C-alpha atoms as a PDB file:
ATOM      1  CA  UNK A   1       0.275   0.042  -0.137  1.00  0.00           C
ATOM      2  CA  UNK A   2       1.698   3.576  -0.586  1.00  0.00           C
ATOM      3  CA  UNK A   3       1.415   6.553   1.492  1.00  0.00           C
ATOM      4  CA  UNK A   4      -1.319   7.912  -1.163  1.00  0.00           C
ATOM      5  CA  UNK A   5      -3.475   5.247  -0.847  1.00  0.00           C
ATOM      6  CA  UNK A   6      -3.058   5.390   3.203  1.00  0.00           C
ATOM      7  CA  UNK A   7      -3.648   8.949   3.223  1.00  0.00           C
ATOM      8  CA  UNK A   8      -7.185   8.427   0.880  1.00  0.00           C
ATOM      9  CA  UNK A   9      -8.266   5.636   3.336  1.00  0.00           C
ATOM     10  CA  UNK A  10      -7.728   8.023   6.122  1.00  0.00           C
ATOM     11  CA  UNK A  11      -9.432  10.513   4.574  1.00  0.00           C
ATOM     12  CA  UNK A  12     -12.838   8.402   4.171  1.00  0.00           C
ATOM     13  CA  UNK A  13     -12.514   6.900   8.010  1.00  0.00           C
ATOM     14  CA  UNK A  14     -12.006  10.730   9.053  1.00  0.00           C
ATOM     15  CA  UNK A  15     -15.295  11.459   6.442  1.00  0.00           C
ATOM     16  CA  UNK A  16     -17.592   8.691   8.368  1.00  0.00           C
ATOM     17  CA  UNK A  17     -16.064   9.593  11.855  1.00  0.00           C
ATOM     18  CA  UNK A  18     -16.426  13.221  11.208  1.00  0.00           C
ATOM     19  CA  UNK A  19     -14.462  14.450  14.295  1.00  0.00           C
ATOM     20  CA  UNK A  20     -14.474  18.557  14.697  1.00  0.00           C
ATOM     21  CA  UNK A  21     -10.685  18.980  16.460  1.00  0.00           C
ATOM     22  CA  UNK A  22      -7.660  20.202  15.539  1.00  0.00           C
ATOM     23  CA  UNK A  23      -6.174  16.962  14.865  1.00  0.00           C
ATOM     24  CA  UNK A  24      -8.516  16.066  12.410  1.00  0.00           C
ATOM     25  CA  UNK A  25      -8.394  19.162  10.051  1.00  0.00           C
ATOM     26  CA  UNK A  26      -4.487  18.356   9.869  1.00  0.00           C
ATOM     27  CA  UNK A  27      -4.881  15.372   9.447  1.00  0.00           C
ATOM     28  CA  UNK A  28      -7.213  16.376   6.100  1.00  0.00           C
ATOM     29  CA  UNK A  29      -4.422  19.441   5.596  1.00  0.00           C
ATOM     30  CA  UNK A  30      -2.046  16.837   5.426  1.00  0.00           C
ATOM     31  CA  UNK A  31      -4.354  14.136   3.172  1.00  0.00           C
ATOM     32  CA  UNK A  32      -4.798  17.366   0.762  1.00  0.00           C
ATOM     33  CA  UNK A  33      -1.082  17.700   0.376  1.00  0.00           C
ATOM     34  CA  UNK A  34      -0.625  14.009  -0.553  1.00  0.00           C
ATOM     35  CA  UNK A  35      -2.841  14.209  -2.764  1.00  0.00           C
ATOM     36  CA  UNK A  36      -2.154  17.756  -4.126  1.00  0.00           C
ATOM     37  CA  UNK A  37       1.390  15.702  -4.708  1.00  0.00           C
ATOM     38  CA  UNK A  38      -0.132  12.935  -6.366  1.00  0.00           C
ATOM     39  CA  UNK A  39      -1.254  15.560  -8.959  1.00  0.00           C
END
């Protein structure tokens, strides 16, 4: 499994179980960063 795939799965899990915390928003930022590197 690649890091990008792991990031996508983490993002999907976050969408399933939204937790309005600084940590979750940071995770989303990391996922967005990983996706931007793919494009």
